[in-house]
Amino acid sequence: MSDVDYTSRHKAMLKAIAEGRGQLVGGRRPNLAVDGLWCDFTATNDLVLGGLVRSAGSTAVLTTTGAAVLDLLAR
């Protein structure tokens, strides 16, 4: 896991991605849109660079680590 202190914003973004509502656009530091609205760039970087989210085409998907972090945040 990362040294980032994950917030409710991160949790909401991870949950939306788990529900299939996220799109990643861009390269190494992509932008995330949920339901067509752009998300916080810094939080997106936390998730992508932390290995919690990856791209599957233009769709954002959780990694195994991302699913574990979401589970921890949901408690």
N, C-alpha and C. Protein backbone atom coordinates (compact mmCIF):
# COMPACT_ATOMS: atom_id res chain seq x y z
N MET A 1 0.84 -1.18 0.00
CA MET A 1 0.00 0.00 0.00
C MET A 1 0.88 1.23 0.00
N SER A 2 0.26 2.36 -0.02
CA SER A 2 0.95 3.63 -0.17
C SER A 2 1.03 4.37 1.15
N ASP A 3 1.82 5.45 1.17
CA ASP A 3 1.90 6.30 2.34
C ASP A 3 0.79 7.35 2.37
N VAL A 4 -0.07 7.33 1.37
CA VAL A 4 -1.14 8.31 1.26
C VAL A 4 -2.19 8.03 2.33
N ASP A 5 -2.67 9.08 2.98
CA ASP A 5 -3.80 8.94 3.89
C ASP A 5 -5.06 9.08 3.04
N TYR A 6 -5.70 7.96 2.75
CA TYR A 6 -6.85 7.98 1.87
C TYR A 6 -8.04 8.62 2.57
N THR A 7 -8.74 9.46 1.83
CA THR A 7 -9.86 10.24 2.37
C THR A 7 -11.19 9.70 1.85
N SER A 8 -12.25 10.35 2.28
CA SER A 8 -13.57 9.98 1.77
C SER A 8 -13.67 10.24 0.27
N ARG A 9 -12.92 11.19 -0.24
CA ARG A 9 -12.89 11.45 -1.68
C ARG A 9 -12.29 10.25 -2.42
N HIS A 10 -11.17 9.73 -1.93
CA HIS A 10 -10.56 8.55 -2.52
C HIS A 10 -11.55 7.38 -2.48
N LYS A 11 -12.20 7.22 -1.33
CA LYS A 11 -13.17 6.13 -1.16
C LYS A 11 -14.29 6.23 -2.18
N ALA A 12 -14.83 7.43 -2.37
CA ALA A 12 -15.92 7.63 -3.33
C ALA A 12 -15.46 7.33 -4.75
N MET A 13 -14.24 7.73 -5.08
CA MET A 13 -13.71 7.47 -6.41
C MET A 13 -13.51 5.98 -6.62
N LEU A 14 -12.95 5.29 -5.62
CA LEU A 14 -12.75 3.85 -5.73
C LEU A 14 -14.08 3.12 -5.86
N LYS A 15 -15.07 3.54 -5.10
CA LYS A 15 -16.39 2.91 -5.16
C LYS A 15 -17.00 3.08 -6.55
N ALA A 16 -16.90 4.29 -7.10
CA ALA A 16 -17.45 4.55 -8.44
C ALA A 16 -16.75 3.69 -9.49
N ILE A 17 -15.44 3.54 -9.35
CA ILE A 17 -14.69 2.70 -10.29
C ILE A 17 -15.12 1.25 -10.15
N ALA A 18 -15.29 0.79 -8.92
CA ALA A 18 -15.74 -0.59 -8.69
C ALA A 18 -17.12 -0.83 -9.31
N GLU A 19 -17.93 0.21 -9.36
CA GLU A 19 -19.27 0.11 -9.95
C GLU A 19 -19.25 0.27 -11.46
N GLY A 20 -18.05 0.46 -12.04
CA GLY A 20 -17.92 0.58 -13.49
C GLY A 20 -18.28 1.95 -14.05
N ARG A 21 -18.21 2.99 -13.22
CA ARG A 21 -18.62 4.32 -13.64
C ARG A 21 -17.46 5.25 -13.95
N GLY A 22 -16.20 4.74 -13.94
CA GLY A 22 -15.04 5.58 -14.16
C GLY A 22 -14.39 5.37 -15.51
N GLN A 23 -13.83 6.45 -16.04
CA GLN A 23 -13.06 6.41 -17.29
C GLN A 23 -11.73 7.10 -17.05
N LEU A 24 -10.64 6.46 -17.49
CA LEU A 24 -9.32 7.08 -17.43
C LEU A 24 -8.97 7.59 -18.82
N VAL A 25 -8.50 8.82 -18.87
CA VAL A 25 -8.14 9.44 -20.13
C VAL A 25 -6.73 10.00 -19.97
N GLY A 26 -5.83 9.59 -20.84
CA GLY A 26 -4.48 10.12 -20.79
C GLY A 26 -3.46 9.03 -20.64
N GLY A 27 -2.25 9.43 -20.31
CA GLY A 27 -1.13 8.51 -20.25
C GLY A 27 -0.73 8.14 -18.84
N ARG A 28 0.55 8.38 -18.54
CA ARG A 28 1.12 7.98 -17.25
C ARG A 28 0.39 8.62 -16.08
N ARG A 29 -0.04 9.84 -16.23
CA ARG A 29 -0.81 10.54 -15.20
C ARG A 29 -2.17 10.90 -15.79
N PRO A 30 -3.03 9.92 -15.88
CA PRO A 30 -4.31 10.15 -16.56
C PRO A 30 -5.29 10.96 -15.70
N ASN A 31 -6.30 11.44 -16.36
CA ASN A 31 -7.41 12.10 -15.69
C ASN A 31 -8.53 11.08 -15.54
N LEU A 32 -9.29 11.21 -14.47
CA LEU A 32 -10.39 10.30 -14.20
C LEU A 32 -11.70 11.07 -14.28
N ALA A 33 -12.64 10.50 -15.01
CA ALA A 33 -14.00 11.04 -15.06
C ALA A 33 -14.94 9.97 -14.49
N VAL A 34 -15.86 10.40 -13.66
CA VAL A 34 -16.90 9.52 -13.13
C VAL A 34 -18.23 10.12 -13.56
N ASP A 35 -19.02 9.30 -14.21
CA ASP A 35 -20.32 9.76 -14.73
C ASP A 35 -20.16 11.00 -15.60
N GLY A 36 -19.03 11.07 -16.33
CA GLY A 36 -18.79 12.18 -17.24
C GLY A 36 -18.25 13.45 -16.61
N LEU A 37 -18.03 13.44 -15.30
CA LEU A 37 -17.50 14.62 -14.59
C LEU A 37 -16.07 14.35 -14.14
N TRP A 38 -15.18 15.33 -14.35
CA TRP A 38 -13.78 15.16 -14.00
C TRP A 38 -13.60 15.13 -12.49
N CYS A 39 -12.72 14.25 -12.05
CA CYS A 39 -12.41 14.10 -10.63
C CYS A 39 -11.18 14.90 -10.25
N ASP A 40 -10.96 15.01 -8.97
CA ASP A 40 -9.81 15.68 -8.39
C ASP A 40 -8.52 15.08 -8.98
N PHE A 41 -7.69 15.93 -9.58
CA PHE A 41 -6.48 15.47 -10.25
C PHE A 41 -5.49 14.85 -9.26
N THR A 42 -5.32 15.47 -8.10
CA THR A 42 -4.38 14.96 -7.11
C THR A 42 -4.82 13.60 -6.58
N ALA A 43 -6.10 13.47 -6.28
CA ALA A 43 -6.62 12.18 -5.80
C ALA A 43 -6.50 11.11 -6.88
N THR A 44 -6.74 11.50 -8.13
CA THR A 44 -6.58 10.55 -9.23
C THR A 44 -5.14 10.07 -9.30
N ASN A 45 -4.19 10.98 -9.19
CA ASN A 45 -2.78 10.59 -9.20
C ASN A 45 -2.45 9.67 -8.03
N ASP A 46 -3.01 9.96 -6.85
CA ASP A 46 -2.80 9.08 -5.69
C ASP A 46 -3.22 7.65 -6.02
N LEU A 47 -4.39 7.51 -6.64
CA LEU A 47 -4.93 6.19 -6.94
C LEU A 47 -4.15 5.47 -8.04
N VAL A 48 -3.81 6.20 -9.09
CA VAL A 48 -3.10 5.59 -10.22
C VAL A 48 -1.66 5.28 -9.85
N LEU A 49 -0.95 6.25 -9.32
CA LEU A 49 0.46 6.04 -8.98
C LEU A 49 0.61 5.10 -7.80
N GLY A 50 -0.43 5.00 -6.96
CA GLY A 50 -0.41 4.05 -5.85
C GLY A 50 -0.75 2.64 -6.26
N GLY A 51 -1.09 2.45 -7.53
CA GLY A 51 -1.38 1.11 -8.04
C GLY A 51 -2.75 0.59 -7.65
N LEU A 52 -3.68 1.48 -7.31
CA LEU A 52 -5.02 1.07 -6.91
C LEU A 52 -5.97 0.98 -8.09
N VAL A 53 -5.65 1.74 -9.14
CA VAL A 53 -6.52 1.83 -10.31
C VAL A 53 -5.66 1.67 -11.55
N ARG A 54 -6.21 1.01 -12.56
CA ARG A 54 -5.52 0.91 -13.84
C ARG A 54 -6.54 1.07 -14.95
N SER A 55 -6.03 1.24 -16.12
CA SER A 55 -6.87 1.40 -17.29
C SER A 55 -7.12 0.06 -17.96
N ALA A 56 -8.35 -0.14 -18.41
CA ALA A 56 -8.71 -1.29 -19.24
C ALA A 56 -9.42 -0.68 -20.44
N GLY A 57 -8.63 -0.32 -21.45
CA GLY A 57 -9.17 0.50 -22.54
C GLY A 57 -9.36 1.91 -21.98
N SER A 58 -10.53 2.46 -22.13
CA SER A 58 -10.79 3.78 -21.54
C SER A 58 -11.48 3.65 -20.19
N THR A 59 -11.79 2.43 -19.78
CA THR A 59 -12.47 2.21 -18.51
C THR A 59 -11.45 2.11 -17.38
N ALA A 60 -11.78 2.68 -16.23
CA ALA A 60 -10.95 2.55 -15.04
C ALA A 60 -11.41 1.31 -14.29
N VAL A 61 -10.45 0.51 -13.83
CA VAL A 61 -10.76 -0.67 -13.04
C VAL A 61 -9.86 -0.70 -11.81
N LEU A 62 -10.36 -1.33 -10.76
CA LEU A 62 -9.57 -1.49 -9.55
C LEU A 62 -8.57 -2.62 -9.73
N THR A 63 -7.40 -2.43 -9.15
CA THR A 63 -6.45 -3.52 -9.05
C THR A 63 -6.81 -4.32 -7.80
N THR A 64 -6.10 -5.40 -7.58
CA THR A 64 -6.32 -6.18 -6.36
C THR A 64 -6.06 -5.32 -5.13
N THR A 65 -5.01 -4.51 -5.19
CA THR A 65 -4.68 -3.60 -4.09
C THR A 65 -5.79 -2.56 -3.91
N GLY A 66 -6.30 -2.04 -5.01
CA GLY A 66 -7.39 -1.06 -4.93
C GLY A 66 -8.63 -1.63 -4.28
N ALA A 67 -8.95 -2.87 -4.61
CA ALA A 67 -10.11 -3.52 -4.00
C ALA A 67 -9.88 -3.71 -2.50
N ALA A 68 -8.65 -4.05 -2.11
CA ALA A 68 -8.34 -4.23 -0.70
C ALA A 68 -8.43 -2.91 0.07
N VAL A 69 -7.94 -1.82 -0.54
CA VAL A 69 -8.02 -0.51 0.11
C VAL A 69 -9.48 -0.08 0.23
N LEU A 70 -10.26 -0.28 -0.81
CA LEU A 70 -11.68 0.06 -0.74
C LEU A 70 -12.36 -0.71 0.38
N ASP A 71 -12.03 -1.98 0.51
CA ASP A 71 -12.60 -2.79 1.58
C ASP A 71 -12.22 -2.23 2.95
N LEU A 72 -10.97 -1.83 3.13
CA LEU A 72 -10.53 -1.24 4.39
C LEU A 72 -11.24 0.08 4.68
N LEU A 73 -11.40 0.91 3.64
CA LEU A 73 -12.05 2.21 3.82
C LEU A 73 -13.53 2.07 4.11
N ALA A 74 -14.13 0.98 3.65
CA ALA A 74 -15.57 0.76 3.84
C ALA A 74 -15.90 0.32 5.27
N ARG A 75 -14.92 -0.06 6.04
CA ARG A 75 -15.15 -0.53 7.41
C ARG A 75 -15.41 0.60 8.35
